[in-house]
Amino acid sequence: MTDFVIAQTTIDDEGQAKALARGAVESKLAAGAHIDAPFTAVYWWKSEIETAREWRISYMTTTDNLSELEAWVAENHSYEVPQWVTLPVTGGSSAYLSWVVAETTEG
């Protein structure tokens, strides 16, 4: 039984968001990626409250690919500490989930 996850990161540049999405899909680490419209992020950073315009990238993948995807995003991300969170997928259509497995499996 394959477990599925949605993994997410954010970035402050639309071009970089597209590159992070495309690169993960090209590498077969994610079956697909969604880039959400820009939003305003407010957060603490180095003892200051920051405000930034960011894009959220959501990757659909399997737990088998998760650690490699996380390492790939960390290596290719411009942030010192990029957001990285994962959400378990507890259901979905069998056709869609089969597609995720097929697109994240080499060969």
C-alpha atoms as a PDB file:
ATOM      1  CA  MET A   1       0.000   0.000   0.000  1.00  0.00           C
ATOM      2  CA  THR A   2       1.399   3.364  -1.019  1.00  0.00           C
ATOM      3  CA  ASP A   3       0.932   6.374   1.227  1.00  0.00           C
ATOM      4  CA  PHE A   4       0.361   9.761  -0.369  1.00  0.00           C
ATOM      5  CA  VAL A   5       1.231  13.250   0.845  1.00  0.00           C
ATOM      6  CA  ILE A   6       0.927  16.843  -0.187  1.00  0.00           C
ATOM      7  CA  ALA A   7       4.166  18.649   0.626  1.00  0.00           C
ATOM      8  CA  GLN A   8       4.290  22.439   0.702  1.00  0.00           C
ATOM      9  CA  THR A   9       6.813  25.238   0.566  1.00  0.00           C
ATOM     10  CA  THR A  10       6.592  28.978  -0.067  1.00  0.00           C
ATOM     11  CA  ILE A  11       8.831  31.433  -1.922  1.00  0.00           C
ATOM     12  CA  ASP A  12       8.840  35.164  -2.624  1.00  0.00           C
ATOM     13  CA  ASP A  13       9.429  35.042  -6.387  1.00  0.00           C
ATOM     14  CA  GLU A  14       6.990  33.723  -9.008  1.00  0.00           C
ATOM     15  CA  GLY A  15       9.750  32.591 -11.373  1.00  0.00           C
ATOM     16  CA  GLN A  16      11.417  30.617  -8.596  1.00  0.00           C
ATOM     17  CA  ALA A  17       8.051  29.096  -7.660  1.00  0.00           C
ATOM     18  CA  LYS A  18       7.619  27.886 -11.245  1.00  0.00           C
ATOM     19  CA  ALA A  19      11.170  26.526 -11.305  1.00  0.00           C
ATOM     20  CA  LEU A  20      10.679  24.659  -8.006  1.00  0.00           C
ATOM     21  CA  ALA A  21       7.398  23.192  -9.250  1.00  0.00           C
ATOM     22  CA  ARG A  22       8.696  22.187 -12.677  1.00  0.00           C
ATOM     23  CA  GLY A  23      12.010  20.828 -11.412  1.00  0.00           C
ATOM     24  CA  ALA A  24      10.364  18.493  -8.911  1.00  0.00           C
ATOM     25  CA  VAL A  25       7.967  17.185 -11.544  1.00  0.00           C
ATOM     26  CA  GLU A  26      10.741  16.772 -14.145  1.00  0.00           C
ATOM     27  CA  SER A  27      12.762  14.841 -11.554  1.00  0.00           C
ATOM     28  CA  LYS A  28       9.779  12.522 -10.937  1.00  0.00           C
ATOM     29  CA  LEU A  29       9.812  13.501  -7.248  1.00  0.00           C
ATOM     30  CA  ALA A  30       6.232  14.779  -7.542  1.00  0.00           C
ATOM     31  CA  ALA A  31       3.468  13.796  -9.943  1.00  0.00           C
ATOM     32  CA  GLY A  32       2.286  17.393 -10.055  1.00  0.00           C
ATOM     33  CA  ALA A  33       2.580  20.720  -8.317  1.00  0.00           C
ATOM     34  CA  HIS A  34       0.178  23.600  -7.761  1.00  0.00           C
ATOM     35  CA  ILE A  35       1.305  27.173  -7.368  1.00  0.00           C
ATOM     36  CA  ASP A  36      -1.173  29.281  -5.430  1.00  0.00           C
ATOM     37  CA  ALA A  37      -1.768  32.930  -6.274  1.00  0.00           C
ATOM     38  CA  PRO A  38       0.419  35.328  -4.335  1.00  0.00           C
ATOM     39  CA  PHE A  39      -0.587  36.046  -0.779  1.00  0.00           C
ATOM     40  CA  THR A  40       0.759  38.159   2.058  1.00  0.00           C
ATOM     41  CA  ALA A  41       2.825  36.336   4.665  1.00  0.00           C
ATOM     42  CA  VAL A  42       3.475  37.859   8.091  1.00  0.00           C
ATOM     43  CA  TYR A  43       6.059  36.110  10.261  1.00  0.00           C
ATOM     44  CA  TRP A  44       8.886  36.461  12.760  1.00  0.00           C
ATOM     45  CA  TRP A  45      12.405  36.401  11.305  1.00  0.00           C
ATOM     46  CA  LYS A  46      15.538  37.227  13.301  1.00  0.00           C
ATOM     47  CA  SER A  47      13.584  39.021  16.056  1.00  0.00           C
ATOM     48  CA  GLU A  48      11.626  41.190  13.603  1.00  0.00           C
ATOM     49  CA  ILE A  49       8.137  40.898  12.178  1.00  0.00           C
ATOM     50  CA  GLU A  50       8.397  40.607   8.401  1.00  0.00           C
ATOM     51  CA  THR A  51       5.773  40.951   5.693  1.00  0.00           C
ATOM     52  CA  ALA A  52       6.326  39.420   2.265  1.00  0.00           C
ATOM     53  CA  ARG A  53       4.452  38.517  -0.893  1.00  0.00           C
ATOM     54  CA  GLU A  54       4.797  34.763  -1.403  1.00  0.00           C
ATOM     55  CA  TRP A  55       3.614  31.896  -3.591  1.00  0.00           C
ATOM     56  CA  ARG A  56       2.768  28.490  -2.090  1.00  0.00           C
ATOM     57  CA  ILE A  57       3.836  25.371  -3.980  1.00  0.00           C
ATOM     58  CA  SER A  58       1.975  22.150  -3.178  1.00  0.00           C
ATOM     59  CA  TYR A  59       3.505  18.920  -4.420  1.00  0.00           C
ATOM     60  CA  MET A  60       1.537  15.669  -4.807  1.00  0.00           C
ATOM     61  CA  THR A  61       3.808  12.744  -4.116  1.00  0.00           C
ATOM     62  CA  THR A  62       4.237   9.468  -2.264  1.00  0.00           C
ATOM     63  CA  THR A  63       5.924   8.897   1.075  1.00  0.00           C
ATOM     64  CA  ASP A  64       8.533   6.843  -0.817  1.00  0.00           C
ATOM     65  CA  ASN A  65       9.676  10.037  -2.592  1.00  0.00           C
ATOM     66  CA  LEU A  66       9.190  12.449   0.290  1.00  0.00           C
ATOM     67  CA  SER A  67      12.705  12.558   1.769  1.00  0.00           C
ATOM     68  CA  GLU A  68      14.306  12.947  -1.663  1.00  0.00           C
ATOM     69  CA  LEU A  69      11.811  15.693  -2.576  1.00  0.00           C
ATOM     70  CA  GLU A  70      12.527  17.495   0.703  1.00  0.00           C
ATOM     71  CA  ALA A  71      16.287  17.366   0.054  1.00  0.00           C
ATOM     72  CA  TRP A  72      15.804  18.545  -3.547  1.00  0.00           C
ATOM     73  CA  VAL A  73      13.653  21.510  -2.467  1.00  0.00           C
ATOM     74  CA  ALA A  74      16.135  22.485   0.275  1.00  0.00           C
ATOM     75  CA  GLU A  75      19.009  22.370  -2.232  1.00  0.00           C
ATOM     76  CA  ASN A  76      17.166  24.428  -4.856  1.00  0.00           C
ATOM     77  CA  HIS A  77      15.357  26.903  -2.574  1.00  0.00           C
ATOM     78  CA  SER A  78      16.736  30.399  -2.005  1.00  0.00           C
ATOM     79  CA  TYR A  79      15.513  30.791   1.600  1.00  0.00           C
ATOM     80  CA  GLU A  80      17.833  30.163   4.520  1.00  0.00           C
ATOM     81  CA  VAL A  81      14.999  28.257   6.244  1.00  0.00           C
ATOM     82  CA  PRO A  82      12.321  27.357   3.702  1.00  0.00           C
ATOM     83  CA  GLN A  83       8.899  26.329   4.896  1.00  0.00           C
ATOM     84  CA  TRP A  84       8.453  22.566   4.544  1.00  0.00           C
ATOM     85  CA  VAL A  85       5.259  20.931   5.758  1.00  0.00           C
ATOM     86  CA  THR A  86       3.533  17.738   4.727  1.00  0.00           C
ATOM     87  CA  LEU A  87      -0.126  16.846   4.833  1.00  0.00           C
ATOM     88  CA  PRO A  88      -1.251  13.208   4.715  1.00  0.00           C
ATOM     89  CA  VAL A  89      -3.699  12.276   1.995  1.00  0.00           C
ATOM     90  CA  THR A  90      -6.323  10.084   3.633  1.00  0.00           C
ATOM     91  CA  GLY A  91      -8.382   9.377   0.535  1.00  0.00           C
ATOM     92  CA  GLY A  92      -8.820  10.048  -3.137  1.00  0.00           C
ATOM     93  CA  SER A  93      -9.931   8.444  -6.352  1.00  0.00           C
ATOM     94  CA  SER A  94      -8.079   5.258  -7.185  1.00  0.00           C
ATOM     95  CA  ALA A  95      -7.463   6.517 -10.738  1.00  0.00           C
ATOM     96  CA  TYR A  96      -5.825   9.707  -9.484  1.00  0.00           C
ATOM     97  CA  LEU A  97      -3.729   7.984  -6.836  1.00  0.00           C
ATOM     98  CA  SER A  98      -2.609   5.376  -9.389  1.00  0.00           C
ATOM     99  CA  TRP A  99      -1.523   8.244 -11.631  1.00  0.00           C
ATOM    100  CA  VAL A 100       0.557   9.727  -8.795  1.00  0.00           C
ATOM    101  CA  VAL A 101       2.353   6.417  -8.333  1.00  0.00           C
ATOM    102  CA  ALA A 102       2.931   6.002 -12.084  1.00  0.00           C
ATOM    103  CA  GLU A 103       4.332   9.523 -12.496  1.00  0.00           C
ATOM    104  CA  THR A 104       6.698   9.285  -9.529  1.00  0.00           C
ATOM    105  CA  THR A 105       8.131   5.894 -10.395  1.00  0.00           C
ATOM    106  CA  GLU A 106      11.198   5.639 -12.607  1.00  0.00           C
ATOM    107  CA  GLY A 107      10.979   3.400 -15.653  1.00  0.00           C
END
